[in-house]
Protein backbone atom coordinates (compact mmCIF):
# COMPACT_ATOMS: atom_id res chain seq x y z
CA UNK A 1 -56.51 -2.30 27.38
CA UNK A 2 -54.11 -3.42 30.09
CA UNK A 3 -51.32 -1.13 31.22
CA UNK A 4 -48.61 -3.41 29.79
CA UNK A 5 -50.31 -3.60 26.41
CA UNK A 6 -50.89 0.16 26.39
CA UNK A 7 -47.24 0.81 27.16
CA UNK A 8 -46.15 -1.59 24.42
CA UNK A 9 -48.48 0.13 21.93
CA UNK A 10 -47.13 3.58 22.76
CA UNK A 11 -43.53 2.38 22.46
CA UNK A 12 -44.33 0.74 19.13
CA UNK A 13 -45.94 3.89 17.72
CA UNK A 14 -42.94 5.97 18.80
CA UNK A 15 -40.66 3.39 17.18
CA UNK A 16 -42.57 3.64 13.90
CA UNK A 17 -42.13 7.42 13.95
CA UNK A 18 -38.39 7.09 14.51
CA UNK A 19 -38.25 4.33 11.90
CA UNK A 20 -39.87 6.56 9.29
CA UNK A 21 -37.12 9.15 9.78
CA UNK A 22 -34.49 6.39 9.59
CA UNK A 23 -36.06 5.18 6.33
CA UNK A 24 -36.05 8.71 4.91
CA UNK A 25 -32.38 9.17 5.82
CA UNK A 26 -31.57 5.74 4.41
CA UNK A 27 -33.13 6.81 1.11
CA UNK A 28 -30.42 9.47 0.84
CA UNK A 29 -27.76 6.75 1.09
CA UNK A 30 -29.56 4.48 -1.38
CA UNK A 31 -30.27 7.18 -3.97
CA UNK A 32 -26.65 8.35 -4.11
CA UNK A 33 -25.24 4.83 -4.06
CA UNK A 34 -27.59 3.52 -6.76
CA UNK A 35 -26.63 6.28 -9.17
CA UNK A 36 -22.94 6.79 -8.40
CA UNK A 37 -21.77 3.73 -6.43
CA UNK A 38 -20.53 6.09 -3.72
CA UNK A 39 -21.32 5.50 -0.06
CA UNK A 40 -21.81 9.01 1.30
CA UNK A 41 -20.85 8.77 4.94
CA UNK A 42 -21.57 12.50 5.36
CA UNK A 43 -25.35 11.99 5.14
CA UNK A 44 -25.65 12.33 8.92
CA UNK A 45 -23.74 15.62 8.90
CA UNK A 46 -25.85 16.88 6.00
CA UNK A 47 -28.89 16.06 8.13
CA UNK A 48 -27.34 18.08 10.96
CA UNK A 49 -26.64 21.01 8.64
CA UNK A 50 -30.28 21.05 7.52
CA UNK A 51 -31.38 21.57 11.11
CA UNK A 52 -28.93 24.43 11.61
CA UNK A 53 -29.89 26.08 8.32
CA UNK A 54 -33.52 26.03 9.44
CA UNK A 55 -32.44 27.61 12.74
CA UNK A 56 -30.53 30.32 10.83
CA UNK A 57 -33.44 31.14 8.53
CA UNK A 58 -36.25 30.89 11.12
CA UNK A 59 -34.58 32.28 14.24
CA UNK A 60 -31.61 34.22 12.86
CA UNK A 61 -33.39 35.92 9.96
CA UNK A 62 -36.91 35.79 11.37
CA UNK A 63 -38.39 34.10 8.31
CA UNK A 64 -41.70 32.26 8.65
CA UNK A 65 -41.63 28.46 8.78
CA UNK A 66 -43.14 28.11 5.29
CA UNK A 67 -40.12 29.99 3.91
CA UNK A 68 -37.40 28.69 6.25
CA UNK A 69 -38.19 25.00 5.66
CA UNK A 70 -37.82 24.96 1.85
CA UNK A 71 -34.74 27.19 2.11
CA UNK A 72 -33.11 24.71 4.51
CA UNK A 73 -33.95 21.84 2.15
CA UNK A 74 -32.62 23.84 -0.81
CA UNK A 75 -29.44 24.50 1.17
CA UNK A 76 -28.92 20.76 1.46
CA UNK A 77 -29.44 20.43 -2.29
CA UNK A 78 -26.88 23.17 -3.01
CA UNK A 79 -24.39 21.37 -0.78
CA UNK A 80 -25.01 18.16 -2.72
CA UNK A 81 -24.41 19.92 -6.04
CA UNK A 82 -21.17 21.50 -4.82
CA UNK A 83 -19.87 18.24 -3.34
CA UNK A 84 -20.69 16.20 -6.45
CA UNK A 85 -19.19 18.70 -8.89
CA UNK A 86 -16.21 19.78 -6.82
CA UNK A 87 -15.21 16.63 -4.91
CA UNK A 88 -16.83 13.49 -6.25
CA UNK A 89 -16.70 13.98 -10.03
CA UNK A 90 -12.92 14.58 -10.07
CA UNK A 91 -12.57 11.32 -8.12
CA UNK A 92 -14.31 9.19 -10.77
CA UNK A 93 -12.18 6.20 -11.67
CA UNK A 94 -10.19 6.42 -8.43
CA UNK A 95 -10.15 3.76 -5.72
CA UNK A 96 -13.57 3.37 -4.00
CA UNK A 97 -11.89 3.68 -0.60
CA UNK A 98 -10.45 7.06 -1.65
CA UNK A 99 -13.91 8.36 -2.56
CA UNK A 100 -15.29 6.92 0.66
CA UNK A 101 -12.65 8.75 2.71
CA UNK A 102 -13.52 12.00 0.93
CA UNK A 103 -17.06 11.74 2.33
CA UNK A 104 -15.64 10.96 5.79
CA UNK A 105 -13.54 14.11 5.62
CA UNK A 106 -16.54 16.09 4.36
CA UNK A 107 -18.51 15.04 7.43
CA UNK A 108 -15.75 16.31 9.73
CA UNK A 109 -15.59 19.60 7.84
CA UNK A 110 -19.36 20.12 8.19
CA UNK A 111 -19.22 19.44 11.94
CA UNK A 112 -16.34 21.89 12.35
CA UNK A 113 -18.19 24.51 10.29
CA UNK A 114 -21.32 24.18 12.43
CA UNK A 115 -19.32 24.41 15.65
CA UNK A 116 -17.57 27.58 14.44
CA UNK A 117 -20.80 29.28 13.40
CA UNK A 118 -23.23 28.12 16.10
CA UNK A 119 -21.06 26.69 18.87
CA UNK A 120 -21.16 23.25 20.46
CA UNK A 121 -24.18 23.65 22.73
CA UNK A 122 -27.46 21.96 21.76
CA UNK A 123 -30.13 24.25 20.34
CA UNK A 124 -33.90 24.12 20.20
CA UNK A 125 -35.60 24.85 16.89
CA UNK A 126 -38.41 27.42 16.77
CA UNK A 127 -41.63 25.58 17.51
CA UNK A 128 -43.65 24.91 14.39
CA UNK A 129 -45.40 21.72 15.52
CA UNK A 130 -47.96 21.86 18.33
CA UNK A 131 -47.22 20.03 21.57
CA UNK A 132 -50.78 18.81 22.05
CA UNK A 133 -50.86 15.00 22.25
CA UNK A 134 -52.46 12.67 19.74
CA UNK A 135 -54.45 9.69 20.99
CA UNK A 136 -54.83 6.56 18.87
CA UNK A 137 -57.40 4.69 20.87
CA UNK A 138 -56.04 4.87 24.40
CA UNK A 139 -52.43 5.17 23.29
CA UNK A 140 -50.66 8.52 23.59
CA UNK A 141 -48.33 9.64 20.80
CA UNK A 142 -46.39 12.89 20.55
CA UNK A 143 -47.80 15.11 17.82
CA UNK A 144 -44.27 15.82 16.63
CA UNK A 145 -43.69 12.11 16.01
CA UNK A 146 -47.01 11.81 14.17
CA UNK A 147 -46.20 14.80 11.96
CA UNK A 148 -42.70 13.44 11.27
CA UNK A 149 -44.14 10.03 10.34
CA UNK A 150 -46.73 11.55 7.99
CA UNK A 151 -44.16 13.86 6.38
CA UNK A 152 -41.70 11.00 5.89
CA UNK A 153 -44.43 8.78 4.42
CA UNK A 154 -45.47 11.52 1.97
CA UNK A 155 -41.89 12.17 0.85
CA UNK A 156 -41.24 8.46 0.39
CA UNK A 157 -44.46 8.17 -1.63
CA UNK A 158 -43.35 11.06 -3.85
CA UNK A 159 -39.97 9.36 -4.31
CA UNK A 160 -41.59 6.13 -5.44
CA UNK A 161 -43.87 7.97 -7.87
CA UNK A 162 -40.96 9.95 -9.33
CA UNK A 163 -38.86 6.83 -9.81
CA UNK A 164 -41.75 5.19 -11.59
CA UNK A 165 -43.15 7.99 -13.79
CA UNK A 166 -40.73 10.96 -13.92
CA UNK A 167 -38.29 10.97 -16.85
CA UNK A 168 -35.44 11.85 -14.52
CA UNK A 169 -36.43 8.96 -12.25
CA UNK A 170 -36.30 6.58 -15.20
CA UNK A 171 -32.84 7.96 -16.06
CA UNK A 172 -31.76 7.37 -12.45
CA UNK A 173 -32.93 3.76 -12.58
CA UNK A 174 -31.27 3.22 -15.96
CA UNK A 175 -27.97 4.67 -14.76
CA UNK A 176 -28.12 2.58 -11.60
CA UNK A 177 -28.64 -0.58 -13.66
CA UNK A 178 -25.86 -0.03 -16.23
CA UNK A 179 -23.96 3.23 -16.70
CA UNK A 180 -22.45 2.20 -20.03
CA UNK A 181 -25.85 1.24 -21.43
CA UNK A 182 -27.30 4.52 -20.12
CA UNK A 183 -24.58 6.43 -22.00
CA UNK A 184 -25.36 4.52 -25.18
CA UNK A 185 -29.05 5.45 -24.87
CA UNK A 186 -28.19 9.16 -24.75
CA UNK A 187 -28.67 9.65 -21.02
CA UNK A 188 -26.55 12.41 -19.50
CA UNK A 189 -24.92 10.24 -16.82
CA UNK A 190 -22.91 13.06 -15.15
CA UNK A 191 -26.16 15.04 -14.97
CA UNK A 192 -27.84 12.06 -13.32
CA UNK A 193 -25.01 11.94 -10.79
CA UNK A 194 -25.68 15.60 -9.94
CA UNK A 195 -29.43 15.02 -9.62
CA UNK A 196 -28.82 12.07 -7.29
CA UNK A 197 -26.56 14.10 -5.00
CA UNK A 198 -28.85 17.13 -5.02
CA UNK A 199 -31.99 15.14 -4.18
CA UNK A 200 -30.18 12.90 -1.69
CA UNK A 201 -28.65 15.77 0.29
CA UNK A 202 -31.86 17.84 0.13
CA UNK A 203 -33.76 14.86 1.56
CA UNK A 204 -31.22 14.51 4.37
CA UNK A 205 -31.48 18.24 5.18
CA UNK A 206 -35.28 18.05 5.38
CA UNK A 207 -35.02 15.02 7.64
CA UNK A 208 -32.70 17.00 9.89
CA UNK A 209 -35.38 19.66 10.36
CA UNK A 210 -37.96 17.01 11.34
CA UNK A 211 -35.50 15.32 13.68
CA UNK A 212 -34.50 18.65 15.21
CA UNK A 213 -38.14 19.55 15.81
CA UNK A 214 -38.47 16.42 17.96
CA UNK A 215 -35.25 16.41 19.96
CA UNK A 216 -33.40 19.63 19.17
CA UNK A 217 -30.18 20.01 17.19
CA UNK A 218 -26.51 19.69 18.09
CA UNK A 219 -23.23 19.05 16.24
CA UNK A 220 -23.41 15.41 17.38
CA UNK A 221 -26.80 14.66 15.79
CA UNK A 222 -24.99 13.30 12.74
CA UNK A 223 -24.76 10.04 14.70
CA UNK A 224 -28.31 9.44 13.47
CA UNK A 225 -26.74 8.86 10.07
CA UNK A 226 -24.85 5.84 11.42
CA UNK A 227 -28.15 4.20 12.37
CA UNK A 228 -29.41 4.94 8.87
CA UNK A 229 -26.24 3.35 7.47
CA UNK A 230 -27.09 0.22 9.44
CA UNK A 231 -30.54 0.34 7.80
CA UNK A 232 -29.15 0.42 4.27
CA UNK A 233 -26.59 -2.30 4.93
CA UNK A 234 -29.23 -4.56 6.46
CA UNK A 235 -31.84 -3.73 3.82
CA UNK A 236 -29.43 -3.53 0.88
CA UNK A 237 -27.32 -0.60 -0.29
CA UNK A 238 -29.17 -0.33 -3.60
CA UNK A 239 -32.68 -1.25 -2.45
CA UNK A 240 -35.37 1.36 -1.83
CA UNK A 241 -37.64 -1.37 -0.44
CA UNK A 242 -34.83 -2.42 1.90
CA UNK A 243 -34.48 1.18 3.13
CA UNK A 244 -38.20 1.37 3.92
CA UNK A 245 -38.51 -2.00 5.64
CA UNK A 246 -35.13 -1.73 7.33
CA UNK A 247 -35.86 1.77 8.65
CA UNK A 248 -39.20 0.85 10.18
CA UNK A 249 -37.78 -2.42 11.53
CA UNK A 250 -34.76 -0.80 13.15
CA UNK A 251 -36.91 1.97 14.59
CA UNK A 252 -39.08 -0.62 16.29
CA UNK A 253 -36.10 -2.64 17.53
CA UNK A 254 -34.44 0.44 19.01
CA UNK A 255 -37.67 1.57 20.68
CA UNK A 256 -38.34 -1.85 22.21
CA UNK A 257 -34.71 -2.27 23.29
CA UNK A 258 -34.52 1.17 24.89
CA UNK A 259 -37.82 0.73 26.74
CA UNK A 260 -37.44 -2.82 28.00
CA UNK A 261 -33.67 -3.30 28.33
CA UNK A 262 -32.39 0.26 28.71
CA UNK A 263 -30.96 2.91 26.41
CA UNK A 264 -27.41 1.61 26.89
CA UNK A 265 -28.34 -1.54 24.95
CA UNK A 266 -29.57 0.28 21.84
CA UNK A 267 -26.15 0.63 20.24
CA UNK A 268 -25.24 -2.95 21.15
CA UNK A 269 -28.35 -4.34 19.47
CA UNK A 270 -28.14 -1.97 16.47
CA UNK A 271 -24.55 -2.70 15.54
CA UNK A 272 -24.83 -6.33 16.58
CA UNK A 273 -27.57 -6.60 13.95
CA UNK A 274 -25.20 -4.97 11.46
CA UNK A 275 -22.44 -7.52 12.15
CA UNK A 276 -24.80 -10.50 11.90
CA UNK A 277 -26.19 -9.22 8.59
CA UNK A 278 -22.73 -8.71 7.11
CA UNK A 279 -21.75 -12.25 8.08
CA UNK A 280 -24.91 -13.96 6.84
CA UNK A 281 -26.06 -11.73 3.93
CA UNK A 282 -23.31 -9.28 2.90
CA UNK A 283 -25.58 -7.73 0.24
CA UNK A 284 -28.45 -7.15 2.68
CA UNK A 285 -31.96 -8.54 2.72
CA UNK A 286 -33.02 -6.95 -0.58
CA UNK A 287 -29.69 -5.85 -2.09
CA UNK A 288 -28.44 -6.94 -5.50
CA UNK A 289 -26.08 -9.90 -5.49
CA UNK A 290 -23.10 -8.96 -7.62
CA UNK A 291 -20.74 -11.59 -8.95
CA UNK A 292 -17.28 -10.34 -9.91
CA UNK A 293 -15.13 -12.37 -12.30
CA UNK A 294 -11.53 -12.57 -11.13
């Protein structure tokens, strides 16, 4: 294999790893939006909080990784339950922009809380993934990226299975399709809203631990959520398939752009793609086309 081809292969593999984490974060957006029609702009900050909760449990309390990881994920779920019950449910029936701004404010509150408790300096998570490299043929890949990709793939697979076979997953899909019809069929729609927020925020918190294991944690890591928002807008706000394809695609685009053009072009290409998508296909590649009668 030539050096150029080897370099391209390594960049591509790294991009797929990053794309898997983007897809997993995008699933948090999609799950909450499908069930409640709320765009949770605090997903990135929930992701950040998951990383800091893992730091608190593993380093602060000295808990083993097998205990700290599920506790950090559960912490994200508890946050989702509190936000849905205390902030979002009282806003039902209000202007969508009002609910949207509540999530914007929530993100700022979470950043401020983290900065008060842990400061503004970046932190390194306790090592729980080996640093030994993984070779796929001649191509080198960081073991942390491989583990993150496998973990994201497994979680996404579990999601798809739950949506297809689990009774709660069926209720989620029914509520997403038509809330009034779901009510008439005896589905506890407010309960479905809570489940969506709990699972969505727990997923974001777990993603934050994986992301923190690769590059460390800081109060600014919520910016990763903006890239995931680009994924869901490009793929479709209510499309799980769009989140998967969009996440992997954007991960590759960012990796190729950063390696061949320079890191300063990543944001230009990412948000340029967002603008083009909104102009050409406002509902995304796989999103549902909604027609409103005026």
